[in-house]
C-alpha atoms as a PDB file:
ATOM      1  CA  MET A   1      78.320  78.971 136.583  1.00  0.00           C
ATOM      2  CA  PHE A   2      79.398  76.381 133.982  1.00  0.00           C
ATOM      3  CA  LYS A   3      76.281  77.182 131.435  1.00  0.00           C
ATOM      4  CA  TYR A   4      78.155  80.134 129.952  1.00  0.00           C
ATOM      5  CA  GLN A   5      81.768  78.557 130.077  1.00  0.00           C
ATOM      6  CA  TYR A   6      81.816  77.938 126.084  1.00  0.00           C
ATOM      7  CA  VAL A   7      80.891  81.691 125.361  1.00  0.00           C
ATOM      8  CA  LYS A   8      82.817  83.021 128.074  1.00  0.00           C
ATOM      9  CA  ARG A   9      86.040  81.262 126.602  1.00  0.00           C
ATOM     10  CA  HIS A  10      85.169  82.279 122.976  1.00  0.00           C
ATOM     11  CA  ILE A  11      84.806  86.077 124.230  1.00  0.00           C
ATOM     12  CA  LYS A  12      87.981  85.893 126.166  1.00  0.00           C
ATOM     13  CA  ASP A  13      89.998  84.724 123.355  1.00  0.00           C
ATOM     14  CA  ALA A  14      88.383  87.441 120.948  1.00  0.00           C
ATOM     15  CA  VAL A  15      89.494  89.916 123.409  1.00  0.00           C
ATOM     16  CA  GLU A  16      92.915  88.643 123.556  1.00  0.00           C
ATOM     17  CA  CYS A  17      92.976  88.894 119.705  1.00  0.00           C
ATOM     18  CA  LEU A  18      91.636  92.656 120.053  1.00  0.00           C
ATOM     19  CA  CYS A  19      94.375  93.363 122.581  1.00  0.00           C
ATOM     20  CA  ILE A  20      97.688  91.700 121.174  1.00  0.00           C
ATOM     21  CA  GLY A  21      96.883  90.930 117.754  1.00  0.00           C
ATOM     22  CA  GLU A  22      98.751  92.059 114.593  1.00  0.00           C
ATOM     23  CA  GLY A  23      97.578  94.909 112.548  1.00  0.00           C
ATOM     24  CA  ASP A  24      95.094  97.849 113.069  1.00  0.00           C
ATOM     25  CA  ALA A  25      91.668  97.376 114.847  1.00  0.00           C
ATOM     26  CA  ARG A  26      89.870  96.486 111.803  1.00  0.00           C
ATOM     27  CA  SER A  27      92.222  93.630 111.291  1.00  0.00           C
ATOM     28  CA  ARG A  28      92.170  92.371 114.795  1.00  0.00           C
ATOM     29  CA  LEU A  29      88.619  92.570 114.811  1.00  0.00           C
ATOM     30  CA  LYS A  30      88.266  90.330 111.643  1.00  0.00           C
ATOM     31  CA  VAL A  31      90.245  87.859 113.765  1.00  0.00           C
ATOM     32  CA  ALA A  32      88.095  88.439 116.873  1.00  0.00           C
ATOM     33  CA  ASN A  33      85.152  87.804 114.540  1.00  0.00           C
ATOM     34  CA  GLU A  34      86.295  84.475 113.416  1.00  0.00           C
ATOM     35  CA  VAL A  35      86.962  83.426 117.006  1.00  0.00           C
ATOM     36  CA  THR A  36      83.266  84.057 117.732  1.00  0.00           C
ATOM     37  CA  SER A  37      81.669  83.013 114.398  1.00  0.00           C
ATOM     38  CA  ASN A  38      80.067  80.083 115.696  1.00  0.00           C
ATOM     39  CA  LEU A  39      78.307  81.656 118.869  1.00  0.00           C
ATOM     40  CA  VAL A  40      74.640  82.001 118.375  1.00  0.00           C
ATOM     41  CA  GLU A  41      72.090  83.610 120.633  1.00  0.00           C
ATOM     42  CA  HIS A  42      71.324  80.689 122.951  1.00  0.00           C
ATOM     43  CA  HIS A  43      75.083  80.711 123.985  1.00  0.00           C
ATOM     44  CA  PHE A  44      74.447  84.032 125.745  1.00  0.00           C
ATOM     45  CA  PRO A  45      72.523  85.026 128.746  1.00  0.00           C
ATOM     46  CA  ASP A  46      69.219  86.875 128.024  1.00  0.00           C
ATOM     47  CA  GLU A  47      70.623  90.134 129.721  1.00  0.00           C
ATOM     48  CA  LEU A  48      73.664  90.352 127.401  1.00  0.00           C
ATOM     49  CA  LEU A  49      71.964  89.415 124.113  1.00  0.00           C
ATOM     50  CA  PRO A  50      71.168  93.119 123.262  1.00  0.00           C
ATOM     51  CA  LEU A  51      75.127  93.995 123.457  1.00  0.00           C
ATOM     52  CA  TRP A  52      75.967  90.831 121.450  1.00  0.00           C
ATOM     53  CA  ASN A  53      73.487  91.551 118.814  1.00  0.00           C
ATOM     54  CA  THR A  54      74.708  95.337 118.669  1.00  0.00           C
ATOM     55  CA  ILE A  55      78.265  94.007 118.100  1.00  0.00           C
ATOM     56  CA  GLN A  56      76.946  91.617 115.211  1.00  0.00           C
ATOM     57  CA  SER A  57      74.955  94.517 113.493  1.00  0.00           C
ATOM     58  CA  LYS A  58      77.826  96.903 113.609  1.00  0.00           C
ATOM     59  CA  LEU A  59      80.231  94.120 112.069  1.00  0.00           C
ATOM     60  CA  ILE A  60      77.867  93.855 109.091  1.00  0.00           C
ATOM     61  CA  LYS A  61      76.707  97.264 108.683  1.00  0.00           C
ATOM     62  CA  TYR A  62      77.377  97.663 104.849  1.00  0.00           C
ATOM     63  CA  GLY A  63      76.134  94.033 103.881  1.00  0.00           C
ATOM     64  CA  PRO A  64      77.835  92.151 101.264  1.00  0.00           C
ATOM     65  CA  CYS A  65      79.455  93.782  98.369  1.00  0.00           C
ATOM     66  CA  LYS A  66      77.969  93.036  95.144  1.00  0.00           C
ATOM     67  CA  ASP A  67      79.035  93.348  91.492  1.00  0.00           C
ATOM     68  CA  SER A  68      77.039  94.974  88.671  1.00  0.00           C
ATOM     69  CA  GLN A  69      74.933  91.885  88.147  1.00  0.00           C
ATOM     70  CA  GLY A  70      74.135  91.346  91.905  1.00  0.00           C
ATOM     71  CA  ASN A  71      76.394  88.878  92.728  1.00  0.00           C
ATOM     72  CA  ILE A  72      78.069  88.745  96.023  1.00  0.00           C
ATOM     73  CA  VAL A  73      81.878  89.479  95.711  1.00  0.00           C
ATOM     74  CA  GLU A  74      82.607  89.953  99.182  1.00  0.00           C
ATOM     75  CA  GLY A  75      81.066  89.115 102.581  1.00  0.00           C
ATOM     76  CA  SER A  76      79.186  91.557 104.898  1.00  0.00           C
ATOM     77  CA  ILE A  77      81.909  91.492 107.695  1.00  0.00           C
ATOM     78  CA  SER A  78      84.971  91.786 105.242  1.00  0.00           C
ATOM     79  CA  HIS A  79      82.998  94.683 103.374  1.00  0.00           C
ATOM     80  CA  THR A  80      82.100  96.379 106.633  1.00  0.00           C
ATOM     81  CA  LEU A  81      85.538  96.061 107.989  1.00  0.00           C
ATOM     82  CA  ARG A  82      87.032  97.415 104.905  1.00  0.00           C
ATOM     83  CA  ARG A  83      84.608 100.710 104.827  1.00  0.00           C
ATOM     84  CA  ILE A  84      84.753 101.585 108.561  1.00  0.00           C
ATOM     85  CA  LYS A  85      87.188 103.885 110.217  1.00  0.00           C
ATOM     86  CA  ASN A  86      89.781 102.351 112.591  1.00  0.00           C
ATOM     87  CA  SER A  87      88.185 104.415 115.586  1.00  0.00           C
ATOM     88  CA  THR A  88      84.957 102.568 114.636  1.00  0.00           C
ATOM     89  CA  ALA A  89      86.581  99.174 114.844  1.00  0.00           C
ATOM     90  CA  SER A  90      88.149 100.460 118.188  1.00  0.00           C
ATOM     91  CA  ASP A  91      84.513 101.241 119.327  1.00  0.00           C
ATOM     92  CA  ILE A  92      83.405  97.565 118.747  1.00  0.00           C
ATOM     93  CA  ALA A  93      86.385  96.320 120.366  1.00  0.00           C
ATOM     94  CA  VAL A  94      85.282  98.240 123.365  1.00  0.00           C
ATOM     95  CA  MET A  95      82.014  96.362 123.265  1.00  0.00           C
ATOM     96  CA  PHE A  96      83.699  92.979 122.781  1.00  0.00           C
ATOM     97  CA  LEU A  97      85.449  93.970 126.305  1.00  0.00           C
ATOM     98  CA  GLN A  98      82.399  95.257 128.120  1.00  0.00           C
ATOM     99  CA  LEU A  99      80.770  91.912 127.032  1.00  0.00           C
ATOM    100  CA  HIS A 100      83.685  89.838 128.342  1.00  0.00           C
ATOM    101  CA  ASN A 101      83.691  91.876 131.644  1.00  0.00           C
ATOM    102  CA  GLN A 102      79.884  91.368 132.380  1.00  0.00           C
ATOM    103  CA  LEU A 103      80.379  87.684 131.504  1.00  0.00           C
ATOM    104  CA  GLU A 104      83.305  87.475 133.885  1.00  0.00           C
ATOM    105  CA  LYS A 105      81.585  89.604 136.771  1.00  0.00           C
ATOM    106  CA  ASP A 106      78.021  87.995 136.645  1.00  0.00           C
ATOM    107  CA  TYR A 107      78.386  84.384 135.132  1.00  0.00           C
END
């Protein structure tokens, strides 16, 4: 189905970054996020939105890092990726793969 080609291409590219990119899972996840940063809910089939939203919520779990005056000094994703364990980043990567597999299988 051509309707979802845009999202399929971006998720496929993200999975490739996660599989063959340099660095640990956290640094590869940062690149994968950059590849998918312009995707929004209407790009996804309704059935896959919960998985996409879970990925996104895990990527911003700790919110932005703020200084003592409350000014943002680091974005939510960078801050979260800096704080999570590499194994947690790997779990998020698995979700990207699941999303990719469902898009390829059903759409």
